[in-house]
């Protein structure tokens, strides 16, 4: 799924933002997704993953 999103965003230059591309509990998937898109111009967002400061801190520690 992550490779599909990456290819889609590279093929369709108009895509600049993705909201909630993965399930919010898929921490491993989010880690892979953010790593894959690290140098991309596409912004990734999730209001459930980052909706509170506590969630953001927890997920940042997990992604590190």
Protein backbone atom coordinates (compact mmCIF):
# COMPACT_ATOMS: atom_id res chain seq x y z
CA UNK A 1 0.00 0.00 0.00
CA UNK A 2 2.81 2.41 0.88
CA UNK A 3 4.61 1.70 -2.39
CA UNK A 4 1.33 2.29 -4.24
CA UNK A 5 0.85 5.68 -2.55
CA UNK A 6 4.45 6.63 -3.30
CA UNK A 7 4.13 5.67 -6.97
CA UNK A 8 0.79 7.45 -7.26
CA UNK A 9 2.20 10.65 -5.80
CA UNK A 10 5.25 10.50 -8.07
CA UNK A 11 3.13 9.82 -11.15
CA UNK A 12 0.53 12.47 -10.31
CA UNK A 13 2.54 15.57 -9.43
CA UNK A 14 -0.67 17.37 -8.51
CA UNK A 15 -0.97 15.33 -5.29
CA UNK A 16 0.66 17.39 -2.54
CA UNK A 17 -1.12 16.17 0.59
CA UNK A 18 -2.56 12.91 1.94
CA UNK A 19 -4.82 12.77 4.99
CA UNK A 20 -5.14 9.52 6.94
CA UNK A 21 -3.61 7.18 4.33
CA UNK A 22 -3.24 4.38 6.92
CA UNK A 23 -5.14 3.18 9.99
CA UNK A 24 -4.13 5.32 12.97
CA UNK A 25 -3.14 2.26 15.05
CA UNK A 26 -0.74 0.99 12.38
CA UNK A 27 2.39 2.46 13.99
CA UNK A 28 4.76 0.27 11.95
CA UNK A 29 2.99 1.28 8.75
CA UNK A 30 3.16 4.96 9.71
CA UNK A 31 6.88 4.61 10.39
CA UNK A 32 7.42 3.06 6.94
CA UNK A 33 5.19 5.65 5.27
CA UNK A 34 6.91 8.65 6.87
CA UNK A 35 10.34 7.19 6.10
CA UNK A 36 9.39 6.60 2.44
CA UNK A 37 7.99 10.13 2.05
CA UNK A 38 10.74 11.81 4.08
CA UNK A 39 12.32 13.57 1.07
CA UNK A 40 9.07 13.93 -0.85
CA UNK A 41 7.18 17.18 -1.38
CA UNK A 42 3.96 15.37 -0.40
CA UNK A 43 2.76 16.22 3.11
CA UNK A 44 1.23 13.46 5.23
CA UNK A 45 -1.39 14.21 7.85
CA UNK A 46 -3.53 12.39 10.36
CA UNK A 47 -5.72 14.11 12.87
CA UNK A 48 -6.14 10.88 14.86
CA UNK A 49 -2.41 10.18 15.14
CA UNK A 50 -1.53 13.78 15.98
CA UNK A 51 -4.81 14.98 17.52
CA UNK A 52 -3.39 15.55 20.99
CA UNK A 53 0.01 16.50 22.30
CA UNK A 54 0.25 13.21 24.18
CA UNK A 55 -0.43 11.19 21.01
CA UNK A 56 2.08 13.24 19.04
CA UNK A 57 4.79 12.69 21.68
CA UNK A 58 4.04 8.96 21.86
CA UNK A 59 4.11 8.55 18.09
CA UNK A 60 7.27 10.62 17.70
CA UNK A 61 9.01 8.36 20.22
CA UNK A 62 7.77 5.30 18.34
CA UNK A 63 8.92 6.64 14.96
CA UNK A 64 12.38 7.51 16.28
